Amino acid sequence: MLVTLKEILREAEAKQYAVGMFNMLNLEMARGIVEAAEEERSPVILGVAEVHLPYIPFAYASLIMNKLAAEATVPVCLHFDHGTDSDAILLAARSGFTSVMVDGSALPYDENVRVTREIVQAVRGMHVSVEAELGHVGGGEDGSESASDYTDPAQVRDFIEKTGVDALAVAIGTAHGKYLRPPVLDVGLLAEIDQISPVPLVLHGGSGLSDLDFTRTIENGIRKVNICTQLCTAAQEAYAGSASFEQSLIDAKDAVKEAVRRKMRLFGSSNQA
């Protein structure tokens, strides 16, 4: 069943667990993610990132994702991740997606507010939730490296009030892609932000964090966790290790499903649907 991000996170906040946002890049990954949600009876956020559209054209991603969500017996939110192009974000909103992320994190504060507010206003009445990022999570969805700028607690309430977003991604020491060294998370900063923010908080750069990292961040307000790189690695290894191409399709799906299943149990979303 298709639901919005706001609806999924409302339940997570009430029961103090987190929901995984798992990015897909092909059919095997998407099937593995949704099969894990069905078997775990977990709500799930199925995403595709703007930066991945050169590898899976949006029309194909949308077709796959909408079909899987329509047939699912658990709550599924379709999420467009790290949108920087307004046209691409609005296309997702018009294509059945129930959540979009406006990524203005690399922009000056006032510009981030402006572009985020414009998208919020544009999708109002479309049954679409909006996530934004305050501060800047380093690394890249494509594996590139960049520095992080931690979220400033003094800006949190102002940003949310001016934009009207439904969820806020925070920068507390995580990074996108593969970690070159173990991350050190500022959980104290997260706890401070959680006390200020009137909307649920999101953790980007989840691949490579320890179980303890996840537990501590969820205890301190994280309600959505983004996972991508770990799933790509699981699928890649399954493709490489299979005896035949045909078998690799099944093996990759099952490898992704197992990785997602473990995260759902860790995040506390299993048996919540």
Protein backbone atom coordinates (compact mmCIF):
# COMPACT_ATOMS: atom_id res chain seq x y z
CA MET A 1 0.00 0.00 0.00
CA LEU A 2 1.29 3.42 -0.96
CA VAL A 3 1.69 5.97 1.85
CA THR A 4 3.52 9.25 2.34
CA LEU A 5 6.76 9.76 4.22
CA LYS A 6 4.89 11.86 6.76
CA GLU A 7 2.52 8.98 7.49
CA ILE A 8 5.31 6.42 7.85
CA LEU A 9 7.39 8.65 10.12
CA ARG A 10 4.42 9.59 12.29
CA GLU A 11 4.10 5.93 13.28
CA ALA A 12 7.85 5.58 13.76
CA GLU A 13 7.91 8.62 16.04
CA ALA A 14 5.00 7.34 18.10
CA LYS A 15 6.66 3.97 18.66
CA GLN A 16 10.29 5.18 18.72
CA TYR A 17 11.75 3.15 15.87
CA ALA A 18 13.30 4.06 12.51
CA VAL A 19 12.31 3.15 8.95
CA GLY A 20 14.91 2.36 6.33
CA MET A 21 15.04 4.23 3.03
CA PHE A 22 16.64 1.78 0.63
CA ASN A 23 17.73 3.02 -2.77
CA MET A 24 17.23 0.83 -5.84
CA LEU A 25 19.22 0.92 -9.06
CA ASN A 26 17.56 -1.98 -10.87
CA LEU A 27 14.76 -4.52 -10.70
CA GLU A 28 16.64 -7.04 -8.56
CA MET A 29 17.40 -4.46 -5.88
CA ALA A 30 13.82 -3.16 -5.84
CA ARG A 31 12.37 -6.65 -5.58
CA GLY A 32 14.75 -7.58 -2.77
CA ILE A 33 13.84 -4.46 -0.78
CA VAL A 34 10.10 -4.96 -1.03
CA GLU A 35 10.27 -8.74 -0.44
CA ALA A 36 12.21 -8.06 2.76
CA ALA A 37 9.52 -5.61 3.89
CA GLU A 38 6.78 -8.14 3.17
CA GLU A 39 8.53 -10.94 5.01
CA GLU A 40 9.47 -8.74 7.96
CA ARG A 41 6.04 -7.06 8.02
CA SER A 42 7.86 -3.74 8.05
CA PRO A 43 7.01 -0.35 6.57
CA VAL A 44 9.61 0.63 3.99
CA ILE A 45 10.78 3.64 2.01
CA LEU A 46 11.79 2.61 -1.51
CA GLY A 47 13.98 5.24 -3.12
CA VAL A 48 15.86 6.22 -6.22
CA ALA A 49 18.46 9.01 -6.16
CA GLU A 50 18.75 11.73 -8.77
CA VAL A 51 22.45 10.98 -9.16
CA HIS A 52 21.63 7.39 -10.19
CA LEU A 53 19.34 8.30 -13.09
CA PRO A 54 22.15 7.92 -15.66
CA TYR A 55 22.19 4.22 -14.68
CA ILE A 56 18.44 3.64 -14.44
CA PRO A 57 16.32 6.14 -16.40
CA PHE A 58 13.58 7.66 -14.26
CA ALA A 59 10.75 6.31 -16.41
CA TYR A 60 11.90 2.73 -15.76
CA ALA A 61 12.55 3.32 -12.07
CA SER A 62 9.11 4.88 -11.64
CA LEU A 63 7.41 2.00 -13.45
CA ILE A 64 9.11 -0.63 -11.27
CA MET A 65 8.62 1.23 -8.01
CA ASN A 66 4.96 2.09 -8.55
CA LYS A 67 4.15 -1.50 -9.54
CA LEU A 68 5.83 -2.95 -6.45
CA ALA A 69 4.22 -0.41 -4.12
CA ALA A 70 0.76 -1.00 -5.55
CA GLU A 71 1.00 -4.74 -4.95
CA ALA A 72 2.64 -4.58 -1.50
CA THR A 73 0.66 -5.53 1.59
CA VAL A 74 2.84 -3.35 3.85
CA PRO A 75 3.15 0.46 3.84
CA VAL A 76 5.51 1.62 1.08
CA CYS A 77 6.65 5.20 0.54
CA LEU A 78 8.18 6.01 -2.86
CA HIS A 79 10.99 8.51 -2.35
CA PHE A 80 13.01 10.64 -4.78
CA ASP A 81 16.35 11.08 -3.06
CA HIS A 82 18.78 14.02 -3.16
CA GLY A 83 16.91 16.05 -5.72
CA THR A 84 18.81 19.15 -6.84
CA ASP A 85 16.91 19.78 -10.08
CA SER A 86 13.45 21.24 -9.51
CA ASP A 87 12.07 19.77 -12.73
CA ALA A 88 13.23 16.28 -11.75
CA ILE A 89 11.75 16.65 -8.26
CA LEU A 90 8.39 17.79 -9.60
CA LEU A 91 8.38 15.00 -12.19
CA ALA A 92 8.74 12.50 -9.34
CA ALA A 93 5.90 14.15 -7.45
CA ARG A 94 3.69 13.87 -10.53
CA SER A 95 4.72 10.26 -11.17
CA GLY A 96 3.26 8.64 -8.08
CA PHE A 97 6.11 9.29 -5.64
CA THR A 98 4.88 10.17 -2.16
CA SER A 99 8.10 11.76 -0.92
CA VAL A 100 10.79 13.97 -2.41
CA MET A 101 14.03 15.23 -0.96
CA VAL A 102 15.12 18.74 -1.85
CA ASP A 103 18.90 18.79 -1.43
CA GLY A 104 19.95 22.39 -1.08
CA SER A 105 22.58 21.50 1.50
CA ALA A 106 25.47 22.79 -0.62
CA LEU A 107 23.77 26.18 -1.01
CA PRO A 108 23.98 29.19 1.31
CA TYR A 109 21.39 29.01 4.09
CA ASP A 110 18.97 31.56 2.63
CA GLU A 111 19.10 29.90 -0.79
CA ASN A 112 18.49 26.47 0.75
CA VAL A 113 15.42 27.93 2.46
CA ARG A 114 14.16 29.48 -0.77
CA VAL A 115 14.48 26.44 -3.05
CA THR A 116 13.07 24.12 -0.39
CA ARG A 117 10.09 26.37 0.29
CA GLU A 118 9.34 26.58 -3.44
CA ILE A 119 9.12 22.79 -3.75
CA VAL A 120 7.00 22.49 -0.60
CA GLN A 121 4.57 25.01 -2.04
CA ALA A 122 4.59 23.35 -5.48
CA VAL A 123 3.64 19.89 -4.19
CA ARG A 124 1.10 21.10 -1.64
CA GLY A 125 -2.11 19.16 -2.17
CA MET A 126 -0.37 16.39 -4.15
CA HIS A 127 -0.13 13.79 -1.33
CA VAL A 128 3.66 14.23 -1.33
CA SER A 129 5.92 14.76 1.68
CA VAL A 130 9.11 16.83 1.50
CA GLU A 131 12.46 16.17 3.16
CA ALA A 132 15.32 18.66 3.19
CA GLU A 133 18.87 18.73 4.52
CA LEU A 134 20.34 21.30 6.90
CA GLY A 135 24.09 21.25 7.17
CA HIS A 136 25.84 19.08 4.60
CA VAL A 137 26.54 15.34 4.79
CA GLY A 138 29.88 14.68 3.11
CA GLY A 139 30.78 12.09 0.51
CA GLY A 140 28.67 11.43 -2.54
CA GLU A 141 25.97 9.00 -3.62
CA ASP A 142 28.32 8.19 -6.49
CA GLY A 143 31.18 7.36 -4.11
CA SER A 144 32.96 10.72 -4.42
CA GLU A 145 34.36 12.50 -1.41
CA SER A 146 33.45 15.91 -0.01
CA ALA A 147 33.64 17.54 3.39
CA SER A 148 30.78 17.65 5.88
CA ASP A 149 29.32 20.71 7.54
CA TYR A 150 27.49 19.84 10.72
CA THR A 151 23.93 21.00 11.26
CA ASP A 152 23.67 24.22 13.26
CA PRO A 153 21.00 23.77 15.97
CA ALA A 154 20.38 27.52 15.96
CA GLN A 155 19.04 27.26 12.40
CA VAL A 156 16.78 24.23 12.84
CA ARG A 157 13.51 25.78 13.98
CA ASP A 158 13.86 28.76 11.65
CA PHE A 159 14.49 26.49 8.66
CA ILE A 160 11.53 24.24 9.36
CA GLU A 161 9.16 27.14 10.00
CA LYS A 162 10.20 28.98 6.84
CA THR A 163 10.10 25.93 4.55
CA GLY A 164 7.31 23.75 5.95
CA VAL A 165 9.23 20.51 5.42
CA ASP A 166 7.97 17.19 6.82
CA ALA A 167 11.38 15.68 7.70
CA LEU A 168 14.88 17.03 8.23
CA ALA A 169 18.16 15.32 7.31
CA VAL A 170 20.96 16.26 9.71
CA ALA A 171 24.74 16.24 9.43
CA ILE A 172 26.32 14.78 12.56
CA GLY A 173 29.41 13.01 11.18
CA THR A 174 28.09 10.50 8.66
CA ALA A 175 29.10 10.44 4.98
CA HIS A 176 27.70 9.06 1.77
CA GLY A 177 29.42 6.16 0.03
CA LYS A 178 32.12 3.94 1.52
CA TYR A 179 33.81 5.14 4.70
CA LEU A 180 37.58 5.49 4.43
CA ARG A 181 37.83 5.42 8.23
CA PRO A 182 35.36 4.65 11.03
CA PRO A 183 32.96 7.58 11.45
CA VAL A 184 32.67 9.41 14.77
CA LEU A 185 29.11 10.61 15.26
CA ASP A 186 28.19 13.61 17.37
CA VAL A 187 25.23 12.04 19.17
CA GLY A 188 25.11 14.93 21.62
CA LEU A 189 24.50 17.31 18.72
CA LEU A 190 21.77 14.98 17.44
CA ALA A 191 20.08 14.94 20.85
CA GLU A 192 20.15 18.74 20.94
CA ILE A 193 18.61 18.97 17.47
CA ASP A 194 15.95 16.42 18.41
CA GLN A 195 14.84 18.61 21.29
CA ILE A 196 14.42 21.55 18.92
CA SER A 197 12.98 19.98 15.78
CA PRO A 198 9.20 19.69 15.42
CA VAL A 199 9.61 17.19 12.53
CA PRO A 200 11.24 13.73 12.37
CA LEU A 201 14.98 13.53 11.75
CA VAL A 202 16.79 11.65 8.99
CA LEU A 203 20.23 10.01 8.96
CA HIS A 204 22.05 9.89 5.62
CA GLY A 205 25.18 7.85 4.99
CA GLY A 206 23.97 4.76 6.85
CA SER A 207 26.06 2.17 5.01
CA GLY A 208 29.10 1.30 7.12
CA LEU A 209 27.83 2.45 10.51
CA SER A 210 28.00 0.01 13.41
CA ASP A 211 24.95 -1.49 15.07
CA LEU A 212 25.71 0.67 18.11
CA ASP A 213 25.80 3.80 15.94
CA PHE A 214 22.32 3.00 14.66
CA THR A 215 20.97 2.20 18.11
CA ARG A 216 22.29 5.42 19.63
CA THR A 217 21.02 7.62 16.81
CA ILE A 218 17.56 6.05 16.85
CA GLU A 219 17.43 6.53 20.62
CA ASN A 220 18.16 10.21 20.02
CA GLY A 221 15.54 11.02 17.41
CA ILE A 222 16.45 9.45 14.06
CA ARG A 223 13.30 8.07 12.39
CA LYS A 224 14.53 7.51 8.82
CA VAL A 225 17.85 5.92 7.85
CA ASN A 226 19.21 5.98 4.29
CA ILE A 227 20.99 2.87 3.00
CA CYS A 228 22.39 2.51 -0.52
CA THR A 229 26.09 1.60 -0.79
CA GLN A 230 25.72 -1.55 1.30
CA LEU A 231 22.98 -2.83 -1.00
CA CYS A 232 25.01 -2.06 -4.11
CA THR A 233 27.95 -3.99 -2.66
CA ALA A 234 25.75 -6.96 -1.74
CA ALA A 235 24.27 -7.08 -5.24
CA GLN A 236 27.65 -6.68 -6.95
CA GLU A 237 29.18 -9.53 -4.99
CA ALA A 238 26.20 -11.75 -5.75
CA TYR A 239 26.39 -11.05 -9.47
CA ALA A 240 30.13 -11.81 -9.49
CA GLY A 241 29.80 -15.03 -7.51
CA SER A 242 26.94 -16.66 -9.39
CA ALA A 243 27.32 -19.68 -11.65
CA SER A 244 25.27 -18.16 -14.47
CA PHE A 245 23.72 -14.88 -15.50
CA GLU A 246 20.23 -16.22 -14.90
CA GLN A 247 21.13 -17.37 -11.40
CA SER A 248 22.84 -14.05 -10.67
CA LEU A 249 19.49 -12.26 -10.95
CA ILE A 250 18.05 -14.38 -8.16
CA ASP A 251 21.23 -14.28 -6.09
CA ALA A 252 21.46 -10.47 -6.29
CA LYS A 253 17.82 -10.05 -5.26
CA ASP A 254 18.26 -12.41 -2.32
CA ALA A 255 21.50 -10.73 -1.21
CA VAL A 256 19.81 -7.35 -1.15
CA LYS A 257 16.80 -8.82 0.64
CA GLU A 258 18.97 -10.27 3.39
CA ALA A 259 20.85 -6.98 3.89
CA VAL A 260 17.58 -5.08 4.11
CA ARG A 261 16.06 -7.65 6.46
CA ARG A 262 18.93 -7.24 8.92
CA LYS A 263 18.55 -3.46 8.89
CA MET A 264 14.81 -3.63 9.49
CA ARG A 265 15.33 -5.78 12.56
CA LEU A 266 18.06 -3.47 13.81
CA PHE A 267 15.99 -0.31 13.23
CA GLY A 268 13.00 -1.79 15.07
CA SER A 269 10.59 -1.58 12.12
CA SER A 270 10.02 -5.34 11.78
CA ASN A 271 6.49 -6.38 12.76
CA GLN A 272 5.30 -2.78 12.73
CA ALA A 273 3.14 -3.16 9.59
